[in-house]
Amino acid sequence: MTTSRARLTDLDLHRLIKSGDDDERATAAHKLCRTIDRADLSSADREAAEKILRVLAGDVAEMVRRALAVTLKSSDLLPRDVARRLARDVDTVAMPIIGFSPAFTDEDLIEIVRSGSSARQVAVASRPKVSRDVADVIASDAGELAVRALAANDNADLSERSMGRALERFSQSPELVAAMAYRPVLPMAITEKLIGLASEAVREHLVTRHALAPETAIQLAQYTRERATVDLIDQAGASTDLPTFVATLNARKALNASLLLRGLARGQMAFFEQGLSELAGVAHDRAWLMIHDAGPLGLKAIYDRAGLPPRLFQAFRAGVDTWRGMQAEGVALSGDRFQQRMLERFLTQRPNTPREDLTYLLERLDRAPEPEMLAANAA
């Protein structure tokens, strides 16, 4: 440490030792901890600083110990033994350390979860990073508040097993179900469990943002009495196994001209390619070649082979041409902004689209994101 910092440390240590006023000693502790944390410490300085921190952690005044905990809650300077000691202190001292300190091992945090109060469990579950092992224990052993905090923490590494265990224990908690549903990534099996438990608004989020098993997606799409219906075009876009998804649609007689036209008009070219491949009974690479690289007759040839209605071919032709035009412009061919522009351009061509499909596309256009959201997506 520099000489000026050393002098400041000596002065504050004197105050800590000699002063009988808790406020004065707490202020000195705060200054001292801040100075130590900001200093460029040598190995010897760091060893000396750790000794000072151990003295502060044993101070009889709660205000002094809290000053230490709050000031160094996120510092890697705090020794593990000091962190563990502070974690056993009163809540005003322990909670900042439990919630943030990098000094703890997973074993330390698991011990806190299993022996701590609900508030301390919540602090562990809300940490800036929660490992899979710690998350497993919280999901299995902690109270509802902590499990809800864990589900809401996007930086918590939750396994599918942990998610399932949390839902088994607290399936009647709307707050937990909602927190789980709004996680950025969900296994398909968890998504399907949540659909049966969630409110209407949360279910709408699930079916538009996460992939369902093809059978489940088709079933929900076909039964309008469901509180949340599935848009199969959204599900195709979210699917991680598009060939299987499309094959299942075909097996259930749900893969038809209407669905393919809706998907194409919304820019889902991969879905359109796979759909024609499936209906025409040709390999995907050959279908791709006929759609994109075989001249003006290629699309017509595979369209006819797929058995799609001749009267709708010009609408499909318009969709493919619109997509190609945007590709030639160098437009990013994904995202909400692309889908909106694709829809707008497709509809301005006045394609010969069945009324039901046209109504669907206009409704999707009306549901496009607000300009502020589109700008954010484009940034």
Protein backbone atom coordinates (compact mmCIF):
# COMPACT_ATOMS: atom_id res chain seq x y z
CA MET A 1 0.00 0.00 0.00
CA THR A 2 1.15 3.57 -0.51
CA THR A 3 2.44 5.55 2.43
CA SER A 4 -0.69 7.76 2.59
CA ARG A 5 -2.92 4.71 2.64
CA ALA A 6 -0.78 3.13 5.34
CA ARG A 7 -1.11 6.25 7.48
CA LEU A 8 -4.90 6.22 6.98
CA THR A 9 -5.04 2.58 8.00
CA ASP A 10 -3.00 3.23 11.14
CA LEU A 11 -5.24 6.16 12.12
CA ASP A 12 -8.44 4.18 11.64
CA LEU A 13 -7.06 1.21 13.50
CA HIS A 14 -6.27 3.53 16.41
CA ARG A 15 -9.85 4.78 16.38
CA LEU A 16 -11.19 1.25 16.26
CA ILE A 17 -9.10 0.22 19.25
CA LYS A 18 -9.46 3.33 21.39
CA SER A 19 -12.89 4.77 20.61
CA GLY A 20 -15.80 3.71 22.77
CA ASP A 21 -18.35 5.25 20.38
CA ASP A 22 -19.93 2.68 18.06
CA ASP A 23 -20.80 5.23 15.37
CA GLU A 24 -17.26 6.55 15.21
CA ARG A 25 -15.81 3.06 15.07
CA ALA A 26 -18.26 2.00 12.37
CA THR A 27 -17.31 5.03 10.27
CA ALA A 28 -13.65 4.19 10.73
CA ALA A 29 -14.32 0.57 9.77
CA HIS A 30 -16.08 1.68 6.58
CA LYS A 31 -13.17 3.95 5.60
CA LEU A 32 -10.65 1.26 6.40
CA CYS A 33 -12.43 -1.43 4.40
CA ARG A 34 -12.92 0.86 1.43
CA THR A 35 -9.24 1.84 1.50
CA ILE A 36 -8.08 -1.76 1.71
CA ASP A 37 -10.41 -2.86 -1.09
CA ARG A 38 -9.17 -0.13 -3.45
CA ALA A 39 -5.48 -0.54 -2.65
CA ASP A 40 -3.02 -2.35 -4.88
CA LEU A 41 -1.89 -4.89 -2.33
CA SER A 42 1.28 -6.93 -2.32
CA SER A 43 1.18 -10.43 -0.84
CA ALA A 44 2.41 -9.07 2.49
CA ASP A 45 -0.14 -6.22 2.41
CA ARG A 46 -2.92 -8.66 1.66
CA GLU A 47 -1.94 -10.87 4.57
CA ALA A 48 -1.92 -7.86 6.87
CA ALA A 49 -5.29 -6.70 5.51
CA GLU A 50 -6.84 -10.09 6.20
CA LYS A 51 -5.69 -9.90 9.81
CA ILE A 52 -7.35 -6.49 10.11
CA LEU A 53 -10.59 -7.89 8.66
CA ARG A 54 -10.59 -10.72 11.18
CA VAL A 55 -10.33 -8.13 13.95
CA LEU A 56 -13.27 -6.20 12.53
CA ALA A 57 -15.35 -9.38 12.15
CA GLY A 58 -14.92 -10.00 15.89
CA ASP A 59 -15.82 -6.48 17.01
CA VAL A 60 -18.50 -6.40 19.69
CA ALA A 61 -20.39 -3.61 17.92
CA GLU A 62 -22.91 -4.79 15.32
CA MET A 63 -22.49 -1.51 13.43
CA VAL A 64 -18.79 -2.19 12.94
CA ARG A 65 -19.39 -5.71 11.66
CA ARG A 66 -22.15 -4.45 9.37
CA ALA A 67 -19.81 -1.78 7.96
CA LEU A 68 -17.38 -4.56 7.11
CA ALA A 69 -20.10 -6.74 5.55
CA VAL A 70 -21.67 -4.01 3.44
CA THR A 71 -18.40 -2.51 2.22
CA LEU A 72 -16.75 -5.80 1.25
CA LYS A 73 -19.81 -7.89 0.35
CA SER A 74 -18.63 -8.37 -3.26
CA SER A 75 -14.88 -8.16 -2.67
CA ASP A 76 -12.54 -11.07 -3.35
CA LEU A 77 -10.36 -9.70 -0.54
CA LEU A 78 -12.62 -11.12 2.16
CA PRO A 79 -11.14 -14.42 3.45
CA ARG A 80 -13.41 -17.46 3.45
CA ASP A 81 -13.21 -17.90 7.22
CA VAL A 82 -14.31 -14.29 7.74
CA ALA A 83 -17.18 -14.71 5.28
CA ARG A 84 -18.33 -17.85 7.07
CA ARG A 85 -18.16 -16.09 10.43
CA LEU A 86 -20.17 -13.14 9.18
CA ALA A 87 -22.73 -15.50 7.62
CA ARG A 88 -23.48 -16.83 11.09
CA ASP A 89 -23.97 -13.30 12.47
CA VAL A 90 -27.25 -11.44 12.88
CA ASP A 91 -29.24 -10.82 9.70
CA THR A 92 -28.14 -7.19 9.28
CA VAL A 93 -24.55 -8.41 9.06
CA ALA A 94 -25.04 -11.78 7.41
CA MET A 95 -27.43 -10.98 4.58
CA PRO A 96 -25.13 -8.78 2.45
CA ILE A 97 -22.37 -11.36 2.69
CA ILE A 98 -24.62 -14.36 1.96
CA GLY A 99 -26.15 -12.59 -1.01
CA PHE A 100 -22.95 -11.51 -2.72
CA SER A 101 -19.61 -12.69 -1.34
CA PRO A 102 -17.48 -14.71 -3.78
CA ALA A 103 -15.57 -16.21 -0.83
CA PHE A 104 -18.07 -19.03 -0.30
CA THR A 105 -17.70 -22.48 -1.78
CA ASP A 106 -20.74 -24.42 -2.98
CA GLU A 107 -20.48 -26.47 0.21
CA ASP A 108 -20.70 -23.30 2.29
CA LEU A 109 -23.81 -22.12 0.45
CA ILE A 110 -25.47 -25.53 0.68
CA GLU A 111 -24.86 -25.49 4.43
CA ILE A 112 -26.51 -22.08 4.68
CA VAL A 113 -29.53 -23.29 2.69
CA ARG A 114 -30.01 -26.38 4.81
CA SER A 115 -29.55 -24.72 8.16
CA GLY A 116 -30.58 -21.12 7.52
CA SER A 117 -33.78 -19.16 7.80
CA SER A 118 -36.07 -18.49 4.85
CA ALA A 119 -34.50 -15.06 4.40
CA ARG A 120 -31.02 -16.57 4.16
CA GLN A 121 -32.20 -19.18 1.72
CA VAL A 122 -33.64 -16.40 -0.43
CA ALA A 123 -30.31 -14.55 -0.26
CA VAL A 124 -28.47 -17.61 -1.58
CA ALA A 125 -31.07 -18.16 -4.32
CA SER A 126 -30.76 -14.51 -5.44
CA ARG A 127 -26.95 -14.41 -5.70
CA PRO A 128 -25.41 -13.03 -8.92
CA LYS A 129 -24.53 -16.61 -9.82
CA VAL A 130 -25.95 -19.86 -8.44
CA SER A 131 -24.26 -23.12 -9.43
CA ARG A 132 -26.17 -26.21 -10.45
CA ASP A 133 -25.29 -28.07 -7.23
CA VAL A 134 -26.55 -25.24 -5.04
CA ALA A 135 -29.67 -24.82 -7.20
CA ASP A 136 -30.44 -28.53 -6.84
CA VAL A 137 -30.41 -28.25 -3.05
CA ILE A 138 -32.56 -25.11 -3.04
CA ALA A 139 -35.13 -26.72 -5.34
CA SER A 140 -35.27 -29.85 -3.15
CA ASP A 141 -34.88 -28.50 0.39
CA ALA A 142 -35.57 -24.76 0.61
CA GLY A 143 -38.87 -23.03 1.30
CA GLU A 144 -41.20 -21.62 -1.31
CA LEU A 145 -39.86 -18.06 -1.18
CA ALA A 146 -36.34 -19.26 -1.91
CA VAL A 147 -37.46 -21.55 -4.71
CA ARG A 148 -39.41 -18.68 -6.27
CA ALA A 149 -36.32 -16.45 -6.03
CA LEU A 150 -34.25 -19.19 -7.65
CA ALA A 151 -36.70 -19.59 -10.53
CA ALA A 152 -36.68 -15.82 -11.10
CA ASN A 153 -32.86 -15.69 -11.14
CA ASP A 154 -31.73 -15.99 -14.76
CA ASN A 155 -28.16 -16.51 -13.56
CA ALA A 156 -29.08 -19.63 -11.61
CA ASP A 157 -28.07 -22.88 -13.30
CA LEU A 158 -31.23 -24.94 -12.97
CA SER A 159 -31.22 -28.47 -14.30
CA GLU A 160 -34.38 -30.00 -15.71
CA ARG A 161 -34.48 -32.20 -12.62
CA SER A 162 -34.41 -29.13 -10.33
CA MET A 163 -37.17 -27.42 -12.28
CA GLY A 164 -39.30 -30.53 -12.10
CA ARG A 165 -38.70 -30.92 -8.37
CA ALA A 166 -39.62 -27.29 -7.72
CA LEU A 167 -42.88 -27.69 -9.63
CA GLU A 168 -43.70 -30.90 -7.79
CA ARG A 169 -43.27 -29.20 -4.43
CA PHE A 170 -45.00 -25.91 -5.18
CA SER A 171 -47.30 -26.54 -8.14
CA GLN A 172 -50.07 -24.57 -6.39
CA SER A 173 -47.98 -21.39 -6.28
CA PRO A 174 -48.91 -19.05 -9.17
CA GLU A 175 -45.85 -16.93 -8.39
CA LEU A 176 -43.48 -19.86 -8.78
CA VAL A 177 -45.16 -21.05 -11.97
CA ALA A 178 -44.90 -17.56 -13.47
CA ALA A 179 -41.25 -17.14 -12.42
CA MET A 180 -40.38 -20.49 -13.97
CA ALA A 181 -42.33 -19.77 -17.15
CA TYR A 182 -40.46 -16.54 -17.81
CA ARG A 183 -37.00 -18.12 -17.65
CA PRO A 184 -35.22 -17.55 -20.99
CA VAL A 185 -34.59 -21.26 -21.62
CA LEU A 186 -36.90 -24.11 -20.65
CA PRO A 187 -36.71 -27.82 -21.45
CA MET A 188 -39.67 -28.99 -23.50
CA ALA A 189 -40.95 -31.28 -20.74
CA ILE A 190 -40.97 -28.39 -18.23
CA THR A 191 -42.79 -26.13 -20.69
CA GLU A 192 -45.53 -28.71 -21.04
CA LYS A 193 -45.87 -29.09 -17.27
CA LEU A 194 -46.15 -25.35 -16.89
CA ILE A 195 -48.87 -25.05 -19.51
CA GLY A 196 -51.13 -27.15 -17.31
CA LEU A 197 -50.44 -24.98 -14.27
CA ALA A 198 -50.13 -21.44 -15.57
CA SER A 199 -52.57 -18.57 -15.83
CA GLU A 200 -53.89 -17.58 -19.24
CA ALA A 201 -51.36 -14.77 -19.73
CA VAL A 202 -48.43 -16.97 -18.70
CA ARG A 203 -49.63 -19.78 -20.94
CA GLU A 204 -49.76 -17.41 -23.90
CA HIS A 205 -46.14 -16.51 -23.18
CA LEU A 206 -45.13 -20.17 -22.97
CA VAL A 207 -46.70 -21.28 -26.20
CA THR A 208 -45.29 -18.35 -28.19
CA ARG A 209 -41.78 -18.32 -26.70
CA HIS A 210 -40.94 -21.96 -26.04
CA ALA A 211 -41.07 -25.13 -28.10
CA LEU A 212 -43.63 -27.81 -27.32
CA ALA A 213 -43.55 -31.44 -28.37
CA PRO A 214 -45.22 -31.64 -31.80
CA GLU A 215 -48.11 -33.74 -30.52
CA THR A 216 -48.82 -31.28 -27.73
CA ALA A 217 -48.61 -28.27 -30.03
CA ILE A 218 -51.02 -29.81 -32.53
CA GLN A 219 -53.46 -30.84 -29.83
CA LEU A 220 -53.54 -27.39 -28.25
CA ALA A 221 -53.84 -25.71 -31.64
CA GLN A 222 -56.82 -27.84 -32.61
CA TYR A 223 -58.85 -27.44 -29.43
CA THR A 224 -60.11 -23.86 -29.22
CA ARG A 225 -61.59 -24.46 -25.80
CA GLU A 226 -58.05 -24.34 -24.42
CA ARG A 227 -57.42 -21.15 -22.48
CA ALA A 228 -54.28 -20.59 -24.55
CA THR A 229 -54.17 -21.81 -28.13
CA VAL A 230 -50.94 -22.59 -29.95
CA ASP A 231 -49.88 -20.89 -33.16
CA LEU A 232 -48.16 -23.71 -35.02
CA ILE A 233 -46.10 -21.19 -37.00
CA ASP A 234 -44.60 -19.87 -33.76
CA GLN A 235 -43.96 -23.43 -32.66
CA ALA A 236 -42.23 -24.27 -35.93
CA GLY A 237 -39.93 -21.30 -35.44
CA ALA A 238 -39.10 -22.37 -31.89
CA SER A 239 -38.63 -26.06 -32.70
CA THR A 240 -35.14 -27.50 -32.27
CA ASP A 241 -36.03 -30.47 -34.51
CA LEU A 242 -37.94 -29.03 -37.43
CA PRO A 243 -38.00 -32.21 -39.60
CA THR A 244 -39.64 -34.17 -36.78
CA PHE A 245 -42.05 -31.33 -36.07
CA VAL A 246 -43.12 -31.15 -39.72
CA ALA A 247 -43.36 -34.94 -40.06
CA THR A 248 -45.65 -35.02 -37.03
CA LEU A 249 -47.82 -32.28 -38.52
CA ASN A 250 -48.14 -34.32 -41.69
CA ALA A 251 -48.95 -37.53 -39.81
CA ARG A 252 -51.74 -35.71 -37.99
CA LYS A 253 -53.07 -34.22 -41.26
CA ALA A 254 -52.23 -30.72 -40.02
CA LEU A 255 -49.61 -29.92 -42.69
CA ASN A 256 -51.59 -28.17 -45.41
CA ALA A 257 -51.49 -25.27 -47.85
CA SER A 258 -52.98 -22.84 -45.35
CA LEU A 259 -50.32 -23.53 -42.73
CA LEU A 260 -47.46 -23.37 -45.24
CA LEU A 261 -48.72 -20.10 -46.74
CA ARG A 262 -49.04 -18.52 -43.31
CA GLY A 263 -45.54 -19.63 -42.41
CA LEU A 264 -44.04 -18.38 -45.67
CA ALA A 265 -45.80 -15.00 -45.40
CA ARG A 266 -44.27 -14.61 -41.93
CA GLY A 267 -40.79 -15.35 -43.24
CA GLN A 268 -40.49 -18.92 -41.94
CA MET A 269 -38.63 -20.15 -45.02
CA ALA A 270 -37.07 -23.16 -43.26
CA PHE A 271 -40.54 -24.33 -42.28
CA PHE A 272 -41.82 -23.83 -45.84
CA GLU A 273 -38.86 -25.77 -47.29
CA GLN A 274 -39.28 -28.62 -44.86
CA GLY A 275 -43.03 -28.69 -45.44
CA LEU A 276 -42.68 -29.01 -49.23
CA SER A 277 -39.98 -31.64 -48.73
CA GLU A 278 -42.31 -33.65 -46.50
CA LEU A 279 -45.40 -33.36 -48.71
CA ALA A 280 -43.52 -34.00 -51.96
CA GLY A 281 -41.60 -36.93 -50.52
CA VAL A 282 -38.19 -35.62 -51.57
CA ALA A 283 -35.04 -34.96 -49.58
CA HIS A 284 -34.70 -31.50 -48.04
CA ASP A 285 -31.62 -30.57 -50.05
CA ARG A 286 -33.46 -31.34 -53.30
CA ALA A 287 -36.49 -29.38 -52.14
CA TRP A 288 -34.23 -26.44 -51.28
CA LEU A 289 -32.65 -26.59 -54.75
CA MET A 290 -36.01 -26.62 -56.51
CA ILE A 291 -37.32 -23.71 -54.44
CA HIS A 292 -34.22 -21.51 -54.68
CA ASP A 293 -31.89 -22.57 -57.48
CA ALA A 294 -33.82 -24.36 -60.20
CA GLY A 295 -35.13 -21.34 -62.10
CA PRO A 296 -38.76 -20.28 -62.43
CA LEU A 297 -40.06 -23.83 -62.98
CA GLY A 298 -38.48 -25.43 -59.91
CA LEU A 299 -40.92 -24.02 -57.39
CA LYS A 300 -43.90 -24.93 -59.59
CA ALA A 301 -42.63 -28.49 -60.01
CA ILE A 302 -42.22 -29.24 -56.31
CA TYR A 303 -45.41 -27.34 -55.46
CA ASP A 304 -47.40 -29.57 -57.81
CA ARG A 305 -45.66 -32.68 -56.54
CA ALA A 306 -46.62 -31.72 -52.98
CA GLY A 307 -50.25 -31.76 -54.06
CA LEU A 308 -50.99 -28.16 -53.09
CA PRO A 309 -53.95 -26.29 -54.68
CA PRO A 310 -53.08 -24.77 -58.10
CA ARG A 311 -55.21 -21.68 -57.35
CA LEU A 312 -52.85 -20.71 -54.50
CA PHE A 313 -49.57 -21.05 -56.40
CA GLN A 314 -49.30 -17.33 -57.21
CA ALA A 315 -49.65 -16.47 -53.52
CA PHE A 316 -46.79 -18.86 -52.72
CA ARG A 317 -44.80 -17.43 -55.64
CA ALA A 318 -45.30 -13.94 -54.17
CA GLY A 319 -44.10 -15.14 -50.76
CA VAL A 320 -40.92 -16.72 -52.14
CA ASP A 321 -40.18 -13.65 -54.28
CA THR A 322 -40.69 -11.34 -51.31
CA TRP A 323 -38.30 -13.41 -49.19
CA ARG A 324 -35.70 -13.48 -51.96
CA GLY A 325 -35.97 -9.72 -52.43
CA MET A 326 -35.29 -9.11 -48.75
CA GLN A 327 -32.40 -11.58 -48.84
CA ALA A 328 -30.88 -9.68 -51.79
CA GLU A 329 -31.12 -6.46 -49.77
CA GLY A 330 -29.00 -8.00 -47.03
CA VAL A 331 -31.81 -7.90 -44.48
CA ALA A 332 -31.37 -10.09 -41.41
CA LEU A 333 -33.83 -12.88 -42.13
CA SER A 334 -35.02 -13.44 -38.57
CA GLY A 335 -36.53 -11.58 -35.65
CA ASP A 336 -39.69 -9.56 -35.07
CA ARG A 337 -38.65 -6.69 -37.31
CA PHE A 338 -38.01 -8.99 -40.26
CA GLN A 339 -41.36 -10.75 -39.78
CA GLN A 340 -43.20 -7.44 -39.75
CA ARG A 341 -41.49 -6.20 -42.91
CA MET A 342 -42.03 -9.54 -44.64
CA LEU A 343 -45.72 -9.48 -43.81
CA GLU A 344 -46.10 -5.89 -44.95
CA ARG A 345 -44.42 -6.52 -48.29
CA PHE A 346 -46.31 -9.74 -48.89
CA LEU A 347 -49.68 -8.15 -48.20
CA THR A 348 -49.01 -5.07 -50.35
CA GLN A 349 -48.76 -7.38 -53.37
CA ARG A 350 -52.43 -8.30 -52.87
CA PRO A 351 -51.79 -12.03 -53.26
CA ASN A 352 -54.72 -14.35 -53.96
CA THR A 353 -54.92 -15.48 -50.36
CA PRO A 354 -57.94 -17.24 -48.82
CA ARG A 355 -59.95 -14.96 -46.56
CA GLU A 356 -59.26 -17.00 -43.43
CA ASP A 357 -55.50 -16.90 -44.03
CA LEU A 358 -55.61 -13.20 -44.91
CA THR A 359 -57.45 -12.49 -41.65
CA TYR A 360 -54.80 -14.44 -39.74
CA LEU A 361 -51.95 -12.52 -41.40
CA LEU A 362 -53.57 -9.15 -40.77
CA GLU A 363 -54.08 -10.08 -37.12
CA ARG A 364 -50.41 -11.06 -36.85
CA LEU A 365 -49.46 -7.74 -38.39
CA ASP A 366 -51.62 -5.93 -35.84
CA ARG A 367 -49.80 -7.80 -33.07
CA ALA A 368 -46.39 -6.62 -34.28
CA PRO A 369 -44.10 -5.08 -31.63
CA GLU A 370 -44.21 -1.37 -30.88
CA PRO A 371 -41.69 0.84 -32.75
CA GLU A 372 -39.52 1.16 -29.63
CA MET A 373 -39.20 -2.63 -29.42
CA LEU A 374 -38.45 -2.90 -33.12
CA ALA A 375 -35.73 -0.28 -32.78
CA ALA A 376 -34.22 -2.21 -29.88
CA ASN A 377 -34.23 -5.41 -31.93
CA ALA A 378 -32.55 -3.66 -34.83
CA ALA A 379 -29.85 -2.10 -32.63
